[in-house]
Protein backbone atom coordinates (compact mmCIF):
# COMPACT_ATOMS: atom_id res chain seq x y z
CA MET A 1 0.00 0.00 0.00
CA ALA A 2 1.35 3.45 -0.86
CA GLU A 3 2.00 5.74 2.06
CA ALA A 4 -1.04 7.97 2.46
CA ARG A 5 -0.40 11.25 4.20
CA LEU A 6 -2.97 12.61 6.58
CA THR A 7 -3.95 16.23 6.19
CA ASP A 8 -4.34 18.47 9.24
CA THR A 9 -8.12 18.35 8.78
CA GLU A 10 -8.09 14.53 8.75
CA VAL A 11 -5.91 14.42 11.87
CA ASP A 12 -8.34 16.80 13.61
CA ARG A 13 -11.30 14.63 12.59
CA ILE A 14 -9.64 11.50 13.98
CA VAL A 15 -8.70 13.26 17.23
CA LYS A 16 -12.29 14.53 17.57
CA LEU A 17 -13.53 10.98 16.99
CA LEU A 18 -11.24 9.67 19.72
CA THR A 19 -12.28 12.33 22.23
CA THR A 20 -15.92 11.35 21.83
CA TRP A 21 -15.35 7.58 21.54
CA GLN A 22 -17.81 5.36 23.41
CA GLY A 23 -17.41 1.64 24.05
CA LYS A 24 -14.47 -0.64 23.39
CA LEU A 25 -11.47 0.92 21.65
CA SER A 26 -8.67 -0.70 19.70
CA TRP A 27 -6.57 0.32 16.72
CA GLU A 28 -8.55 -2.16 14.61
CA LEU A 29 -11.88 -0.60 15.64
CA LEU A 30 -10.52 2.89 15.03
CA LEU A 31 -9.31 1.92 11.55
CA ARG A 32 -12.72 0.43 10.73
CA ARG A 33 -14.40 3.70 11.67
CA VAL A 34 -11.80 6.00 10.05
CA THR A 35 -11.49 4.25 6.67
CA PRO A 36 -15.07 4.89 5.45
CA SER A 37 -15.17 8.46 6.74
CA LEU A 38 -11.86 9.44 5.10
CA GLY A 39 -12.38 7.33 1.99
CA ARG A 40 -8.98 5.63 2.12
CA GLU A 41 -7.15 3.06 4.18
CA PHE A 42 -4.48 3.60 6.80
CA THR A 43 -2.42 1.33 9.00
CA ARG A 44 -2.18 1.43 12.77
CA GLN A 45 1.42 2.53 12.43
CA GLY A 46 0.44 5.31 10.04
CA LEU A 47 -2.08 6.71 12.50
CA ASP A 48 0.19 6.19 15.50
CA LYS A 49 2.96 8.21 13.78
CA GLN A 50 0.81 11.31 14.16
CA GLN A 51 1.51 12.55 17.68
CA SER A 52 -1.91 14.15 18.09
CA ILE A 53 -3.66 10.90 17.19
CA SER A 54 -1.33 8.82 19.35
CA ILE A 55 -1.92 11.05 22.39
CA ALA A 56 -5.69 11.14 21.82
CA PHE A 57 -5.76 7.34 21.48
CA LYS A 58 -3.88 6.79 24.75
CA GLN A 59 -6.06 9.29 26.58
CA ALA A 60 -9.22 7.70 25.18
CA LYS A 61 -8.06 4.25 26.34
CA ASP A 62 -7.37 5.61 29.84
CA ARG A 63 -10.70 7.45 29.95
CA LEU A 64 -12.62 4.35 28.84
CA ARG A 65 -10.78 2.19 31.38
CA ILE A 66 -11.71 4.57 34.20
CA ARG A 67 -15.31 4.79 32.96
CA ALA A 68 -15.55 0.97 32.93
CA LEU A 69 -14.36 0.81 36.54
CA LYS A 70 -16.89 3.42 37.63
CA SER A 71 -19.89 1.83 35.95
CA SER A 72 -19.95 -1.75 37.15
CA PRO A 73 -23.01 -3.92 36.41
CA ALA A 74 -24.12 -3.57 40.05
CA ASN A 75 -24.51 0.18 39.62
CA VAL A 76 -27.84 0.71 37.90
CA ASP A 77 -28.03 4.25 36.58
CA SER A 78 -31.16 5.80 38.02
CA ARG A 79 -30.28 9.35 37.06
CA LEU A 80 -32.26 11.43 34.63
CA PRO A 81 -31.29 10.95 30.99
CA GLU A 82 -30.45 14.67 30.76
CA LEU A 83 -27.90 14.28 33.54
CA VAL A 84 -26.35 11.24 31.90
CA ALA A 85 -26.08 13.14 28.59
CA ALA A 86 -24.58 16.16 30.36
CA GLU A 87 -22.04 13.96 32.13
CA LYS A 88 -21.00 12.38 28.82
CA ARG A 89 -20.66 15.85 27.29
CA ILE A 90 -18.48 16.96 30.20
CA GLU A 91 -16.32 13.84 29.83
CA ASN A 92 -15.91 14.52 26.10
CA LEU A 93 -14.94 18.15 26.74
CA LEU A 94 -12.46 17.10 29.43
CA ALA A 95 -10.96 14.60 26.99
CA GLU A 96 -10.65 17.31 24.35
CA ILE A 97 -8.97 19.60 26.88
CA GLY A 98 -6.54 16.81 27.75
CA VAL A 99 -5.59 16.36 24.09
CA MET A 100 -5.11 20.11 23.67
CA LYS A 101 -2.93 20.32 26.79
CA ALA A 102 -0.74 17.48 25.52
CA GLU A 103 -0.47 19.18 22.12
CA LYS A 104 0.43 22.48 23.81
CA ASP A 105 3.16 20.75 25.82
CA ARG A 106 4.56 19.17 22.66
CA LEU A 107 4.60 22.54 20.89
CA LEU A 108 6.28 24.20 23.88
CA GLU A 109 9.01 21.55 23.74
CA ARG A 110 9.48 22.24 20.03
CA PHE A 111 9.63 25.99 20.72
CA ALA A 112 12.29 25.46 23.40
CA THR A 113 14.36 23.50 20.88
CA TRP A 114 13.98 26.24 18.27
CA LEU A 115 14.84 28.90 20.85
CA TYR A 116 18.02 27.08 21.85
CA ASN A 117 19.05 26.60 18.21
CA ALA A 118 18.34 30.24 17.36
CA ARG A 119 20.33 31.53 20.33
CA SER A 120 23.25 29.20 19.61
CA ARG A 121 23.43 30.65 16.09
CA GLY A 122 23.36 34.24 17.34
CA LEU A 123 19.84 35.10 16.18
CA THR A 124 18.00 37.72 18.20
CA GLN A 125 14.32 38.06 18.89
CA SER A 126 14.12 40.92 16.38
CA ASP A 127 15.72 38.66 13.74
CA LEU A 128 13.10 36.01 14.38
CA SER A 129 10.22 38.52 14.50
CA GLN A 130 10.87 39.94 11.04
CA PRO A 131 7.63 39.99 9.00
CA LEU A 132 7.35 37.63 6.08
CA PRO A 133 8.16 39.15 2.67
CA GLN A 134 5.25 40.44 0.61
CA ILE A 135 4.10 38.11 -2.13
CA ASP A 136 3.82 39.76 -5.50
CA ARG A 137 1.40 37.45 -7.22
CA ASP A 138 1.27 39.68 -10.32
CA HIS A 139 5.06 39.38 -10.70
CA SER A 140 4.90 35.68 -11.55
CA GLU A 141 2.03 36.24 -13.96
CA ARG A 142 3.93 39.04 -15.73
CA ASN A 143 7.02 36.84 -16.05
CA SER A 144 5.09 33.93 -17.47
CA THR A 145 3.40 36.09 -20.13
CA THR A 146 6.60 37.88 -21.13
CA LYS A 147 8.57 34.66 -21.37
CA VAL A 148 6.02 33.17 -23.72
CA GLY A 149 6.35 36.04 -26.19
CA ARG A 150 10.15 36.08 -26.24
CA LYS A 151 12.26 34.34 -28.86
CA ARG A 152 15.66 32.85 -28.14
């Protein structure tokens, strides 16, 4: 199978799926759910390579494990359905917050690496804060039309 690259949107969709996952979770079950929604196949290793997906998967497994311990068969849920739905919503939001915190920590680590490398090469904050150059989109169009009309 050719290596299929996940877009940022696809990664976000998979992370969202994992933060709201209910029931048993395995890589096989995740792949079965992801393949039809994205319209192409992936491997467990391909998904696990994406740090956001890997973190969300581990957090979902932990959350589901804790939920299974809390809700044993002896505990019959006599609460109102609205409260049960609200509790699930809160759990999903907490899971999403957990994924975002892990992503923030990963990005802070990357920033610290970049900061170290920049300082070791003598770059200052003003060097790094320079605005990006303006893009002259007309320039490339002018060059392509003038090149066509030229003779060598």
